[in-house]
Amino acid sequence: HFGESYLLCVFAVVCPGTQNGLSSTGSQENQYNLIKDRYDGCEIVMGNLEITQIESNWDLSFLKTIREVTGYILVAMNHFQEIPLGQLRVIRGNNLYERRFALSVFFNYPKDGSNGLRQLGLMNLTEILEGGVQIINNKYLSYGPWIYWQDIIRDNSAPIDIQYNGERGWCPCHRSCGDYCWGPNNDQCQILTKTVCAPQCNGRCFGTSPRDCCHIECAAGCKGPLDMDCFVSALCLSSADNTKRKLSLMSSAFIYRNASNVLIMTLQSCRYTFILSLMKVCFFLSAVFLSDGCEHF
């Protein structure tokens, strides 16, 4: 609590991303182990999430904890049937694949056999802050290409390249979902948070009424009209200067230092964990580092 002694730690598992593109690192087993070691238990990927050249029999359930990717997501040349990223809520797109795409999914099927990507499994993905979507040449992918991507992408001019995938008619959505879904079940409907909003809303919403607008600070949707109801706060993702301004309005901030000497900060008002470099934080915070890894104000 600013101005007095107050201590509280909020932990988020942060892991570094990669920038390998389609290059592999040795055998299939080695490629898989490197990915598993990097992302097992991870919640926030600082950088790009690249899943490439993985066979169908490998267990990728360790990806289920990821909630945010700050760069792009690349899923290419794999044989598995589903991307287990059910907790992913936002792709920030600070880096873009081919300088255009925040999500790129292509050639996820083998030359022989019937294995291959069939569902994207991104049920909670509701916002891509920068960049577009590329989903091409996925022979068995009937769900995902038929998501209403215009609702997810913030920039209406961002490219959407979807072609040469599985036929939509083979796998209809559940009748409760309407035309857009991530899979065949009634719990796999796409949640629309942008295109269904009333004209009075400036961004996302949690319903169709003018009273259901998310706060202007919200990204990826909300559960109510206040800034504390944001699933992700856009201001928490801003530069150090904007963060300094935001901090002056906060009643509390929680910080700890991870093994990579990065400060992890959670602001109470935005319900969102974000990352600042130690140098940027020290420009405007005076903190005493405690032996338990927490920061004391």
Protein backbone atom coordinates (compact mmCIF):
# COMPACT_ATOMS: atom_id res chain seq x y z
CA HIS A 1 0.00 0.00 0.00
CA PHE A 2 1.66 3.23 -1.09
CA GLY A 3 2.68 5.54 1.73
CA GLU A 4 2.80 2.85 4.39
CA SER A 5 4.28 -0.55 5.06
CA TYR A 6 2.29 -3.27 3.30
CA LEU A 7 3.26 -6.66 1.94
CA LEU A 8 1.42 -9.09 -0.28
CA CYS A 9 2.78 -11.39 -2.99
CA VAL A 10 0.91 -12.56 -6.06
CA PHE A 11 2.77 -15.17 -8.09
CA ALA A 12 2.44 -15.79 -11.81
CA VAL A 13 4.56 -18.27 -13.71
CA VAL A 14 6.33 -16.44 -16.53
CA CYS A 15 8.40 -18.18 -19.18
CA PRO A 16 10.42 -16.94 -22.17
CA GLY A 17 9.19 -17.56 -25.67
CA THR A 18 11.19 -18.50 -28.76
CA GLN A 19 11.97 -17.11 -32.18
CA ASN A 20 12.93 -20.25 -34.09
CA GLY A 21 10.28 -20.18 -36.81
CA LEU A 22 10.13 -23.57 -38.55
CA SER A 23 13.64 -24.68 -37.61
CA SER A 24 13.90 -27.84 -35.49
CA THR A 25 16.33 -28.81 -32.77
CA GLY A 26 17.35 -32.39 -33.35
CA SER A 27 15.07 -35.41 -33.03
CA GLN A 28 11.32 -35.43 -32.46
CA GLU A 29 11.88 -36.43 -28.85
CA ASN A 30 14.37 -33.62 -28.29
CA GLN A 31 12.03 -31.08 -29.90
CA TYR A 32 9.17 -32.19 -27.65
CA ASN A 33 11.27 -32.19 -24.47
CA LEU A 34 12.52 -28.67 -25.14
CA ILE A 35 8.96 -27.40 -25.55
CA LYS A 36 7.74 -29.24 -22.45
CA ASP A 37 10.62 -28.02 -20.28
CA ARG A 38 10.02 -24.44 -21.38
CA TYR A 39 6.22 -24.25 -20.98
CA ASP A 40 5.29 -26.78 -18.32
CA GLY A 41 3.23 -24.82 -15.76
CA CYS A 42 3.69 -21.55 -17.63
CA GLU A 43 0.96 -18.87 -17.40
CA ILE A 44 2.42 -15.95 -19.37
CA VAL A 45 4.70 -16.45 -22.37
CA MET A 46 7.02 -13.47 -22.74
CA GLY A 47 7.60 -13.65 -26.47
CA ASN A 48 6.41 -16.11 -29.10
CA LEU A 49 4.79 -19.50 -28.54
CA GLU A 50 6.04 -21.76 -31.35
CA ILE A 51 4.75 -25.35 -31.57
CA THR A 52 6.19 -27.05 -34.65
CA GLN A 53 6.98 -30.54 -35.92
CA ILE A 54 5.37 -32.54 -33.09
CA GLU A 55 4.02 -36.05 -33.71
CA SER A 56 0.46 -37.06 -32.81
CA ASN A 57 1.32 -39.29 -29.83
CA TRP A 58 2.98 -36.64 -27.64
CA ASP A 59 1.14 -35.24 -24.60
CA LEU A 60 0.73 -31.46 -24.84
CA SER A 61 -1.52 -31.01 -21.80
CA PHE A 62 1.20 -28.89 -20.14
CA LEU A 63 0.09 -26.01 -22.39
CA LYS A 64 -3.28 -25.76 -20.63
CA THR A 65 -2.05 -23.27 -18.04
CA ILE A 66 -1.04 -20.57 -20.54
CA ARG A 67 -3.25 -17.47 -20.27
CA GLU A 68 -1.36 -14.92 -22.34
CA VAL A 69 1.22 -14.74 -25.12
CA THR A 70 2.91 -11.38 -25.62
CA GLY A 71 4.23 -12.15 -29.11
CA TYR A 72 2.74 -14.46 -31.75
CA ILE A 73 1.58 -18.07 -31.76
CA LEU A 74 2.89 -20.38 -34.50
CA VAL A 75 1.43 -23.89 -34.89
CA ALA A 76 2.88 -25.58 -37.96
CA MET A 77 3.76 -28.99 -39.40
CA ASN A 78 2.34 -30.98 -36.47
CA HIS A 79 0.31 -34.21 -36.38
CA PHE A 80 -1.68 -33.81 -33.14
CA GLN A 81 -5.46 -33.29 -33.21
CA GLU A 82 -6.00 -30.32 -30.87
CA ILE A 83 -4.07 -27.39 -29.43
CA PRO A 84 -4.69 -27.57 -25.66
CA LEU A 85 -4.73 -23.81 -25.04
CA GLY A 86 -8.15 -23.61 -23.43
CA GLN A 87 -7.07 -20.98 -20.87
CA LEU A 88 -5.51 -18.61 -23.40
CA ARG A 89 -7.38 -15.30 -23.31
CA VAL A 90 -5.23 -12.80 -25.19
CA ILE A 91 -2.47 -12.68 -27.81
CA ARG A 92 -0.75 -9.30 -27.62
CA GLY A 93 1.13 -9.47 -30.93
CA ASN A 94 4.17 -7.46 -29.85
CA ASN A 95 5.99 -9.62 -32.41
CA LEU A 96 4.19 -10.83 -35.55
CA TYR A 97 4.88 -13.89 -37.68
CA GLU A 98 5.93 -12.75 -41.13
CA ARG A 99 5.33 -9.23 -39.75
CA ARG A 100 1.57 -9.71 -40.17
CA PHE A 101 0.12 -12.53 -38.09
CA ALA A 102 -0.39 -12.89 -34.35
CA LEU A 103 -1.77 -16.41 -34.91
CA SER A 104 -0.44 -18.61 -37.71
CA VAL A 105 -1.60 -22.22 -38.13
CA PHE A 106 -0.61 -24.21 -41.23
CA PHE A 107 0.26 -27.65 -42.64
CA ASN A 108 -0.80 -29.57 -39.53
CA TYR A 109 -1.32 -33.02 -41.03
CA PRO A 110 0.94 -35.84 -42.30
CA LYS A 111 1.30 -36.81 -45.93
CA ASP A 112 -0.06 -40.28 -45.14
CA GLY A 113 -2.78 -41.30 -42.67
CA SER A 114 -5.70 -39.46 -41.10
CA ASN A 115 -3.96 -37.78 -38.15
CA GLY A 116 -3.84 -34.03 -38.05
CA LEU A 117 -5.21 -30.91 -36.39
CA ARG A 118 -9.02 -31.04 -36.05
CA GLN A 119 -9.76 -28.39 -33.37
CA LEU A 120 -7.94 -25.26 -32.31
CA GLY A 121 -9.24 -25.52 -28.75
CA LEU A 122 -8.98 -21.78 -28.02
CA MET A 123 -12.37 -21.42 -26.32
CA ASN A 124 -11.36 -18.46 -24.14
CA LEU A 125 -9.43 -16.47 -26.74
CA THR A 126 -11.33 -13.20 -27.06
CA GLU A 127 -8.75 -10.63 -28.18
CA ILE A 128 -5.74 -10.25 -30.43
CA LEU A 129 -4.34 -6.79 -29.72
CA GLU A 130 -2.04 -6.48 -32.74
CA GLY A 131 -1.80 -8.44 -35.98
CA GLY A 132 -4.00 -10.81 -37.91
CA VAL A 133 -4.78 -14.51 -38.31
CA GLN A 134 -3.47 -17.08 -40.81
CA ILE A 135 -5.04 -20.57 -40.93
CA ILE A 136 -4.15 -22.39 -44.14
CA ASN A 137 -3.60 -25.93 -45.42
CA ASN A 138 -4.92 -27.86 -42.44
CA LYS A 139 -6.61 -30.78 -44.15
CA TYR A 140 -8.72 -32.00 -41.21
CA LEU A 141 -9.37 -28.71 -39.41
CA SER A 142 -13.13 -28.13 -39.68
CA TYR A 143 -13.41 -25.98 -36.56
CA GLY A 144 -11.43 -22.81 -36.00
CA PRO A 145 -11.34 -21.51 -39.55
CA TRP A 146 -15.04 -20.78 -39.05
CA ILE A 147 -14.62 -18.65 -35.96
CA TYR A 148 -15.78 -15.05 -36.32
CA TRP A 149 -12.25 -13.66 -36.18
CA GLN A 150 -13.43 -10.07 -36.72
CA ASP A 151 -14.75 -10.20 -33.16
CA ILE A 152 -11.37 -11.25 -31.76
CA ILE A 153 -9.02 -9.02 -33.75
CA ARG A 154 -8.82 -5.48 -32.40
CA ASP A 155 -7.46 -3.93 -35.63
CA ASN A 156 -10.19 -4.16 -38.26
CA SER A 157 -7.59 -3.74 -41.01
CA ALA A 158 -5.44 -6.68 -39.87
CA PRO A 159 -5.19 -9.56 -42.40
CA ILE A 160 -7.34 -12.69 -42.05
CA ASP A 161 -6.05 -15.46 -44.33
CA ILE A 162 -8.13 -18.64 -44.02
CA GLN A 163 -8.14 -21.19 -46.84
CA TYR A 164 -7.58 -24.84 -47.81
CA ASN A 165 -8.82 -26.31 -44.52
CA GLY A 166 -11.45 -28.94 -43.65
CA GLU A 167 -15.01 -28.41 -44.86
CA ARG A 168 -17.28 -26.65 -42.39
CA GLY A 169 -20.36 -28.65 -43.33
CA TRP A 170 -18.83 -31.89 -42.09
CA CYS A 171 -18.86 -30.68 -38.46
CA PRO A 172 -21.74 -28.36 -37.55
CA CYS A 173 -21.74 -26.31 -34.35
CA HIS A 174 -24.05 -27.27 -31.49
CA ARG A 175 -27.47 -25.71 -31.99
CA SER A 176 -26.97 -23.50 -28.92
CA CYS A 177 -23.88 -21.92 -30.46
CA GLY A 178 -25.32 -20.51 -33.65
CA ASP A 179 -22.85 -20.19 -36.52
CA TYR A 180 -19.56 -19.89 -34.64
CA CYS A 181 -17.85 -22.41 -32.38
CA TRP A 182 -14.51 -23.98 -31.48
CA GLY A 183 -15.89 -27.51 -31.51
CA PRO A 184 -19.09 -29.61 -31.64
CA ASN A 185 -20.14 -29.39 -27.97
CA ASN A 186 -22.39 -26.85 -26.28
CA ASP A 187 -19.48 -25.65 -24.12
CA GLN A 188 -17.41 -24.81 -27.20
CA CYS A 189 -19.43 -21.86 -28.49
CA GLN A 190 -17.50 -18.75 -29.45
CA ILE A 191 -18.03 -15.93 -26.93
CA LEU A 192 -18.55 -12.65 -28.80
CA THR A 193 -17.37 -9.54 -26.93
CA LYS A 194 -17.00 -6.91 -29.67
CA THR A 195 -19.34 -7.16 -32.64
CA VAL A 196 -22.45 -7.71 -30.49
CA CYS A 197 -21.92 -4.55 -28.42
CA ALA A 198 -24.28 -1.61 -28.38
CA PRO A 199 -23.12 1.46 -30.38
CA GLN A 200 -22.50 3.29 -27.11
CA CYS A 201 -19.72 0.87 -26.18
CA ASN A 202 -16.14 1.87 -26.95
CA GLY A 203 -14.48 -1.53 -27.17
CA ARG A 204 -15.65 -4.76 -25.51
CA CYS A 205 -18.88 -5.68 -23.75
CA PHE A 206 -20.44 -8.42 -21.62
CA GLY A 207 -23.91 -8.17 -23.17
CA THR A 208 -25.90 -6.41 -25.86
CA SER A 209 -27.41 -3.65 -23.72
CA PRO A 210 -25.90 -0.14 -23.61
CA ARG A 211 -25.43 -0.82 -19.88
CA ASP A 212 -23.25 -3.84 -20.68
CA CYS A 213 -20.19 -1.98 -21.97
CA CYS A 214 -16.80 -2.91 -20.58
CA HIS A 215 -14.68 -0.16 -19.07
CA ILE A 216 -12.50 1.63 -21.62
CA GLU A 217 -9.40 0.12 -19.97
CA CYS A 218 -10.53 -3.46 -20.64
CA ALA A 219 -9.11 -5.83 -23.20
CA ALA A 220 -10.39 -9.35 -23.97
CA GLY A 221 -13.78 -8.65 -22.36
CA CYS A 222 -15.06 -8.23 -18.83
CA LYS A 223 -17.55 -9.47 -16.26
CA GLY A 224 -18.98 -6.04 -15.43
CA PRO A 225 -18.76 -2.32 -16.24
CA LEU A 226 -15.94 -1.31 -13.86
CA ASP A 227 -12.19 -1.28 -14.48
CA MET A 228 -11.89 -3.92 -11.75
CA ASP A 229 -14.10 -6.19 -13.90
CA CYS A 230 -11.62 -6.35 -16.80
CA PHE A 231 -10.25 -9.77 -17.72
CA VAL A 232 -7.17 -7.95 -19.02
CA SER A 233 -6.42 -4.25 -18.57
CA ALA A 234 -5.11 -2.45 -21.64
CA LEU A 235 -3.35 0.15 -19.47
CA CYS A 236 -1.46 -2.58 -17.69
CA LEU A 237 0.09 -3.44 -21.05
CA SER A 238 1.33 0.05 -21.80
CA SER A 239 4.69 1.77 -21.62
CA ALA A 240 6.57 2.67 -18.46
CA ASP A 241 5.29 6.26 -18.56
CA ASN A 242 1.67 5.17 -18.78
CA THR A 243 2.28 2.58 -16.11
CA LYS A 244 3.70 5.27 -13.83
CA ARG A 245 0.55 7.33 -14.33
CA LYS A 246 -1.58 4.29 -13.65
CA LEU A 247 0.34 3.43 -10.49
CA SER A 248 -0.38 6.85 -9.06
CA LEU A 249 -4.06 5.90 -9.07
CA MET A 250 -3.59 2.50 -7.45
CA SER A 251 -4.26 1.67 -3.84
CA SER A 252 -1.96 -1.33 -3.91
CA ALA A 253 0.60 -3.08 -6.03
CA PHE A 254 2.14 -6.49 -5.50
CA ILE A 255 5.61 -7.35 -6.74
CA TYR A 256 8.06 -10.23 -6.60
CA ARG A 257 11.34 -10.93 -8.33
CA ASN A 258 11.63 -14.17 -10.33
CA ALA A 259 14.71 -16.24 -11.07
CA SER A 260 15.47 -14.18 -14.18
CA ASN A 261 15.60 -10.95 -12.13
CA VAL A 262 12.36 -9.72 -13.68
CA LEU A 263 9.84 -7.90 -11.51
CA ILE A 264 6.37 -9.37 -11.68
CA MET A 265 3.71 -6.82 -10.77
CA THR A 266 -0.01 -7.24 -10.18
CA LEU A 267 -2.16 -4.14 -9.85
CA GLN A 268 -5.23 -4.71 -7.72
CA SER A 269 -7.54 -2.59 -9.83
CA CYS A 270 -6.93 -4.38 -13.11
CA ARG A 271 -6.77 -7.97 -11.89
CA TYR A 272 -3.94 -8.62 -14.29
CA THR A 273 -0.33 -9.64 -13.94
CA PHE A 274 2.14 -7.85 -16.16
CA ILE A 275 5.87 -7.57 -16.55
CA LEU A 276 8.22 -4.62 -16.31
CA SER A 277 11.96 -4.66 -16.60
CA LEU A 278 13.82 -3.90 -13.39
CA MET A 279 15.29 -0.74 -14.91
CA LYS A 280 11.90 0.72 -15.86
CA VAL A 281 10.40 -0.02 -12.49
CA CYS A 282 13.24 1.62 -10.61
CA PHE A 283 12.66 4.91 -12.37
CA PHE A 284 9.51 5.45 -10.37
CA LEU A 285 9.37 2.90 -7.58
CA SER A 286 11.42 2.81 -4.43
CA ALA A 287 11.23 -0.67 -2.99
CA VAL A 288 13.14 -2.69 -0.44
CA PHE A 289 13.98 -6.19 -1.60
CA LEU A 290 13.14 -8.74 1.06
CA SER A 291 14.81 -12.09 1.58
CA ASP A 292 11.59 -13.96 0.79
CA GLY A 293 11.59 -12.61 -2.79
CA CYS A 294 8.85 -10.04 -2.20
CA GLU A 295 8.93 -6.30 -2.58
CA HIS A 296 8.00 -4.17 0.42
CA PHE A 297 6.57 -0.64 -0.02
